[in-house]
Amino acid sequence: MSVANPLRGEAELVIGGRRHVLRPTFEALVRAEEELGSLFALAERAGAGDLRLAEIAALFAHCLTGTPEPDRQSVGEAVLRMGVAQAVKPLRILLSQIFAGDG
């Protein structure tokens, strides 16, 4: 089991009682953009409070690392169980890394 490194823009998400690392790699973010559209627009919607639960789950699903990767339904259920207010914490870490980079 890997541990998330927030200095690298990683976050953790508990799915089915197991910790998973969310890592915003280039490949993961390209896949997320293909599905969700511009990451800039995604961040703007998040800042305005207009981000949808499905968008949060989709970004998280694309950024999951390790095997086996949980399916999208499990990711969505984990986000729902933790509540949107708690889901903002890993979302903020991912979005910060996306826009700030490694410095």
N, C-alpha and C. Protein backbone atom coordinates (compact mmCIF):
# COMPACT_ATOMS: atom_id res chain seq x y z
N MET A 1 0.84 -1.18 0.00
CA MET A 1 0.00 0.00 0.00
C MET A 1 0.88 1.24 0.00
N SER A 2 0.64 2.16 -0.91
CA SER A 2 1.36 3.41 -0.98
C SER A 2 0.73 4.43 -0.04
N VAL A 3 1.52 5.40 0.34
CA VAL A 3 1.04 6.50 1.16
C VAL A 3 1.12 7.76 0.31
N ALA A 4 0.06 8.56 0.35
CA ALA A 4 0.03 9.79 -0.43
C ALA A 4 1.07 10.78 0.07
N ASN A 5 1.70 11.47 -0.85
CA ASN A 5 2.68 12.49 -0.54
C ASN A 5 2.10 13.84 -0.98
N PRO A 6 1.56 14.62 -0.04
CA PRO A 6 0.94 15.88 -0.43
C PRO A 6 1.92 16.87 -1.08
N LEU A 7 3.20 16.73 -0.82
CA LEU A 7 4.19 17.60 -1.45
C LEU A 7 4.30 17.33 -2.95
N ARG A 8 3.87 16.15 -3.38
CA ARG A 8 3.84 15.80 -4.80
C ARG A 8 2.46 15.99 -5.39
N GLY A 9 1.54 16.57 -4.61
CA GLY A 9 0.18 16.79 -5.09
C GLY A 9 -0.69 15.57 -4.97
N GLU A 10 -0.25 14.59 -4.18
CA GLU A 10 -1.03 13.37 -4.00
C GLU A 10 -2.00 13.53 -2.83
N ALA A 11 -3.07 12.78 -2.90
CA ALA A 11 -4.08 12.76 -1.83
C ALA A 11 -4.51 11.32 -1.62
N GLU A 12 -5.24 11.08 -0.56
CA GLU A 12 -5.75 9.74 -0.29
C GLU A 12 -7.27 9.73 -0.40
N LEU A 13 -7.76 8.58 -0.79
CA LEU A 13 -9.19 8.35 -0.85
C LEU A 13 -9.44 6.94 -0.33
N VAL A 14 -10.34 6.81 0.63
CA VAL A 14 -10.68 5.50 1.18
C VAL A 14 -11.87 4.95 0.40
N ILE A 15 -11.65 3.78 -0.20
CA ILE A 15 -12.69 3.11 -0.98
C ILE A 15 -12.81 1.70 -0.46
N GLY A 16 -13.99 1.36 0.01
CA GLY A 16 -14.22 0.02 0.53
C GLY A 16 -13.30 -0.32 1.70
N GLY A 17 -13.00 0.68 2.53
CA GLY A 17 -12.16 0.46 3.69
C GLY A 17 -10.67 0.41 3.39
N ARG A 18 -10.29 0.60 2.15
CA ARG A 18 -8.87 0.54 1.75
C ARG A 18 -8.41 1.91 1.25
N ARG A 19 -7.24 2.32 1.70
CA ARG A 19 -6.68 3.61 1.27
C ARG A 19 -6.09 3.50 -0.14
N HIS A 20 -6.41 4.49 -0.95
CA HIS A 20 -5.88 4.58 -2.31
C HIS A 20 -5.23 5.93 -2.49
N VAL A 21 -4.18 5.97 -3.30
CA VAL A 21 -3.49 7.21 -3.59
C VAL A 21 -4.06 7.83 -4.86
N LEU A 22 -4.32 9.13 -4.79
CA LEU A 22 -4.72 9.91 -5.95
C LEU A 22 -3.49 10.70 -6.38
N ARG A 23 -3.03 10.44 -7.61
CA ARG A 23 -1.81 11.09 -8.11
C ARG A 23 -2.13 11.75 -9.45
N PRO A 24 -2.00 13.07 -9.54
CA PRO A 24 -2.33 13.76 -10.79
C PRO A 24 -1.19 13.71 -11.81
N THR A 25 -0.99 12.54 -12.40
CA THR A 25 0.04 12.40 -13.43
C THR A 25 -0.44 13.04 -14.74
N PHE A 26 0.50 13.27 -15.63
CA PHE A 26 0.14 13.83 -16.93
C PHE A 26 -0.90 12.96 -17.64
N GLU A 27 -0.65 11.66 -17.66
CA GLU A 27 -1.57 10.74 -18.34
C GLU A 27 -2.96 10.77 -17.71
N ALA A 28 -3.00 10.79 -16.37
CA ALA A 28 -4.29 10.82 -15.67
C ALA A 28 -5.05 12.10 -15.99
N LEU A 29 -4.34 13.22 -16.04
CA LEU A 29 -5.00 14.50 -16.29
C LEU A 29 -5.45 14.63 -17.74
N VAL A 30 -4.71 14.04 -18.66
CA VAL A 30 -5.15 14.04 -20.06
C VAL A 30 -6.45 13.25 -20.18
N ARG A 31 -6.51 12.08 -19.55
CA ARG A 31 -7.74 11.28 -19.58
C ARG A 31 -8.90 12.04 -18.93
N ALA A 32 -8.62 12.72 -17.83
CA ALA A 32 -9.66 13.50 -17.15
C ALA A 32 -10.17 14.62 -18.05
N GLU A 33 -9.26 15.32 -18.73
CA GLU A 33 -9.68 16.39 -19.64
C GLU A 33 -10.50 15.86 -20.80
N GLU A 34 -10.14 14.68 -21.30
CA GLU A 34 -10.91 14.09 -22.40
C GLU A 34 -12.35 13.86 -21.99
N GLU A 35 -12.55 13.50 -20.73
CA GLU A 35 -13.90 13.23 -20.24
C GLU A 35 -14.61 14.49 -19.73
N LEU A 36 -13.88 15.32 -18.99
CA LEU A 36 -14.51 16.43 -18.27
C LEU A 36 -14.36 17.79 -18.93
N GLY A 37 -13.52 17.87 -19.94
CA GLY A 37 -13.24 19.17 -20.54
C GLY A 37 -12.07 19.83 -19.85
N SER A 38 -11.91 21.10 -20.10
CA SER A 38 -10.78 21.87 -19.61
C SER A 38 -10.63 21.79 -18.09
N LEU A 39 -9.39 21.54 -17.64
CA LEU A 39 -9.13 21.54 -16.20
C LEU A 39 -9.25 22.95 -15.62
N PHE A 40 -8.98 23.96 -16.44
CA PHE A 40 -9.17 25.34 -15.99
C PHE A 40 -10.65 25.59 -15.68
N ALA A 41 -11.51 25.15 -16.57
CA ALA A 41 -12.95 25.32 -16.36
C ALA A 41 -13.41 24.50 -15.15
N LEU A 42 -12.84 23.32 -14.98
CA LEU A 42 -13.17 22.48 -13.83
C LEU A 42 -12.81 23.20 -12.53
N ALA A 43 -11.63 23.80 -12.49
CA ALA A 43 -11.19 24.53 -11.30
C ALA A 43 -12.08 25.75 -11.05
N GLU A 44 -12.46 26.43 -12.12
CA GLU A 44 -13.35 27.58 -11.97
C GLU A 44 -14.70 27.15 -11.40
N ARG A 45 -15.24 26.04 -11.90
CA ARG A 45 -16.51 25.54 -11.36
C ARG A 45 -16.35 25.15 -9.90
N ALA A 46 -15.22 24.54 -9.57
CA ALA A 46 -14.98 24.15 -8.18
C ALA A 46 -14.93 25.40 -7.29
N GLY A 47 -14.23 26.44 -7.74
CA GLY A 47 -14.13 27.67 -6.97
C GLY A 47 -15.46 28.37 -6.80
N ALA A 48 -16.33 28.20 -7.78
CA ALA A 48 -17.66 28.82 -7.72
C ALA A 48 -18.69 27.94 -7.01
N GLY A 49 -18.25 26.76 -6.58
CA GLY A 49 -19.18 25.85 -5.92
C GLY A 49 -20.11 25.14 -6.87
N ASP A 50 -19.75 25.08 -8.15
CA ASP A 50 -20.60 24.47 -9.17
C ASP A 50 -20.11 23.12 -9.65
N LEU A 51 -19.17 22.52 -8.93
CA LEU A 51 -18.64 21.22 -9.34
C LEU A 51 -19.63 20.14 -8.96
N ARG A 52 -19.87 19.24 -9.85
CA ARG A 52 -20.83 18.15 -9.61
C ARG A 52 -20.14 16.94 -9.00
N LEU A 53 -20.91 16.17 -8.27
CA LEU A 53 -20.41 14.95 -7.64
C LEU A 53 -19.78 14.02 -8.67
N ALA A 54 -20.41 13.89 -9.83
CA ALA A 54 -19.88 13.02 -10.89
C ALA A 54 -18.53 13.52 -11.39
N GLU A 55 -18.33 14.83 -11.41
CA GLU A 55 -17.05 15.38 -11.87
C GLU A 55 -15.95 15.10 -10.85
N ILE A 56 -16.27 15.23 -9.57
CA ILE A 56 -15.29 14.92 -8.53
C ILE A 56 -14.90 13.44 -8.63
N ALA A 57 -15.90 12.57 -8.73
CA ALA A 57 -15.63 11.13 -8.81
C ALA A 57 -14.82 10.80 -10.06
N ALA A 58 -15.12 11.46 -11.18
CA ALA A 58 -14.38 11.19 -12.42
C ALA A 58 -12.92 11.60 -12.28
N LEU A 59 -12.66 12.79 -11.74
CA LEU A 59 -11.28 13.23 -11.57
C LEU A 59 -10.54 12.27 -10.64
N PHE A 60 -11.17 11.90 -9.53
CA PHE A 60 -10.54 10.96 -8.61
C PHE A 60 -10.26 9.62 -9.29
N ALA A 61 -11.23 9.12 -10.05
CA ALA A 61 -11.05 7.82 -10.72
C ALA A 61 -9.87 7.86 -11.68
N HIS A 62 -9.70 8.96 -12.39
CA HIS A 62 -8.59 9.06 -13.34
C HIS A 62 -7.25 9.15 -12.62
N CYS A 63 -7.24 9.69 -11.41
CA CYS A 63 -5.99 9.90 -10.68
C CYS A 63 -5.63 8.75 -9.74
N LEU A 64 -6.44 7.71 -9.67
CA LEU A 64 -6.14 6.56 -8.81
C LEU A 64 -4.88 5.85 -9.29
N THR A 65 -4.10 5.38 -8.33
CA THR A 65 -2.90 4.62 -8.66
C THR A 65 -3.02 3.23 -8.05
N GLY A 66 -2.14 2.35 -8.46
CA GLY A 66 -2.10 1.01 -7.89
C GLY A 66 -3.10 0.07 -8.52
N THR A 67 -3.00 -1.17 -8.11
CA THR A 67 -3.91 -2.19 -8.60
C THR A 67 -4.40 -3.01 -7.42
N PRO A 68 -5.58 -3.52 -7.47
CA PRO A 68 -6.57 -3.26 -8.51
C PRO A 68 -7.22 -1.90 -8.30
N GLU A 69 -7.50 -1.23 -9.40
CA GLU A 69 -8.19 0.05 -9.32
C GLU A 69 -9.68 -0.20 -9.13
N PRO A 70 -10.28 0.49 -8.18
CA PRO A 70 -11.73 0.36 -7.99
C PRO A 70 -12.47 0.90 -9.22
N ASP A 71 -13.66 0.39 -9.46
CA ASP A 71 -14.44 0.89 -10.58
C ASP A 71 -15.05 2.25 -10.23
N ARG A 72 -15.55 2.92 -11.25
CA ARG A 72 -16.08 4.28 -11.09
C ARG A 72 -17.22 4.33 -10.08
N GLN A 73 -18.06 3.32 -10.08
CA GLN A 73 -19.18 3.27 -9.13
C GLN A 73 -18.65 3.28 -7.70
N SER A 74 -17.62 2.51 -7.42
CA SER A 74 -17.04 2.45 -6.08
C SER A 74 -16.42 3.79 -5.68
N VAL A 75 -15.79 4.46 -6.64
CA VAL A 75 -15.21 5.77 -6.36
C VAL A 75 -16.33 6.76 -6.02
N GLY A 76 -17.38 6.76 -6.82
CA GLY A 76 -18.52 7.65 -6.56
C GLY A 76 -19.17 7.38 -5.21
N GLU A 77 -19.32 6.12 -4.87
CA GLU A 77 -19.90 5.77 -3.58
C GLU A 77 -19.01 6.22 -2.43
N ALA A 78 -17.70 6.12 -2.61
CA ALA A 78 -16.76 6.57 -1.58
C ALA A 78 -16.87 8.08 -1.38
N VAL A 79 -16.98 8.81 -2.48
CA VAL A 79 -17.13 10.27 -2.39
C VAL A 79 -18.45 10.61 -1.69
N LEU A 80 -19.49 9.92 -2.03
CA LEU A 80 -20.79 10.16 -1.41
C LEU A 80 -20.75 9.85 0.09
N ARG A 81 -20.10 8.73 0.46
CA ARG A 81 -19.99 8.36 1.87
C ARG A 81 -19.21 9.40 2.67
N MET A 82 -18.15 9.93 2.09
CA MET A 82 -17.34 10.91 2.82
C MET A 82 -18.01 12.27 2.85
N GLY A 83 -18.91 12.52 1.93
CA GLY A 83 -19.60 13.81 1.86
C GLY A 83 -18.79 14.80 1.03
N VAL A 84 -19.49 15.67 0.38
CA VAL A 84 -18.85 16.63 -0.50
C VAL A 84 -17.88 17.53 0.28
N ALA A 85 -18.23 17.91 1.50
CA ALA A 85 -17.36 18.78 2.28
C ALA A 85 -16.00 18.12 2.53
N GLN A 86 -16.01 16.83 2.81
CA GLN A 86 -14.75 16.11 3.03
C GLN A 86 -14.04 15.81 1.71
N ALA A 87 -14.80 15.62 0.64
CA ALA A 87 -14.20 15.34 -0.67
C ALA A 87 -13.44 16.55 -1.20
N VAL A 88 -13.76 17.73 -0.69
CA VAL A 88 -13.07 18.94 -1.13
C VAL A 88 -11.60 18.91 -0.71
N LYS A 89 -11.28 18.23 0.37
CA LYS A 89 -9.89 18.20 0.84
C LYS A 89 -8.96 17.55 -0.19
N PRO A 90 -9.22 16.30 -0.61
CA PRO A 90 -8.34 15.73 -1.65
C PRO A 90 -8.48 16.46 -2.99
N LEU A 91 -9.66 16.98 -3.28
CA LEU A 91 -9.86 17.73 -4.52
C LEU A 91 -8.97 18.97 -4.53
N ARG A 92 -8.91 19.67 -3.42
CA ARG A 92 -8.08 20.88 -3.31
C ARG A 92 -6.60 20.53 -3.51
N ILE A 93 -6.17 19.40 -2.94
CA ILE A 93 -4.77 18.98 -3.10
C ILE A 93 -4.47 18.72 -4.58
N LEU A 94 -5.37 17.99 -5.25
CA LEU A 94 -5.16 17.69 -6.68
C LEU A 94 -5.15 18.95 -7.52
N LEU A 95 -6.14 19.81 -7.31
CA LEU A 95 -6.22 21.03 -8.12
C LEU A 95 -5.03 21.95 -7.87
N SER A 96 -4.58 22.01 -6.63
CA SER A 96 -3.40 22.83 -6.32
C SER A 96 -2.18 22.33 -7.08
N GLN A 97 -1.99 21.02 -7.13
CA GLN A 97 -0.85 20.46 -7.85
C GLN A 97 -0.98 20.69 -9.34
N ILE A 98 -2.19 20.56 -9.85
CA ILE A 98 -2.41 20.75 -11.29
C ILE A 98 -1.98 22.15 -11.70
N PHE A 99 -2.33 23.16 -10.89
CA PHE A 99 -2.08 24.54 -11.29
C PHE A 99 -0.77 25.11 -10.76
N ALA A 100 -0.28 24.58 -9.65
CA ALA A 100 0.98 25.10 -9.09
C ALA A 100 2.18 24.34 -9.63
N GLY A 101 2.00 23.05 -9.90
CA GLY A 101 3.10 22.21 -10.36
C GLY A 101 4.11 21.98 -9.26
N ASP A 102 5.30 21.62 -9.65
CA ASP A 102 6.35 21.32 -8.69
C ASP A 102 7.13 22.54 -8.25
N GLY A 103 6.73 23.68 -8.73
CA GLY A 103 7.38 24.91 -8.27
C GLY A 103 8.36 25.37 -9.20
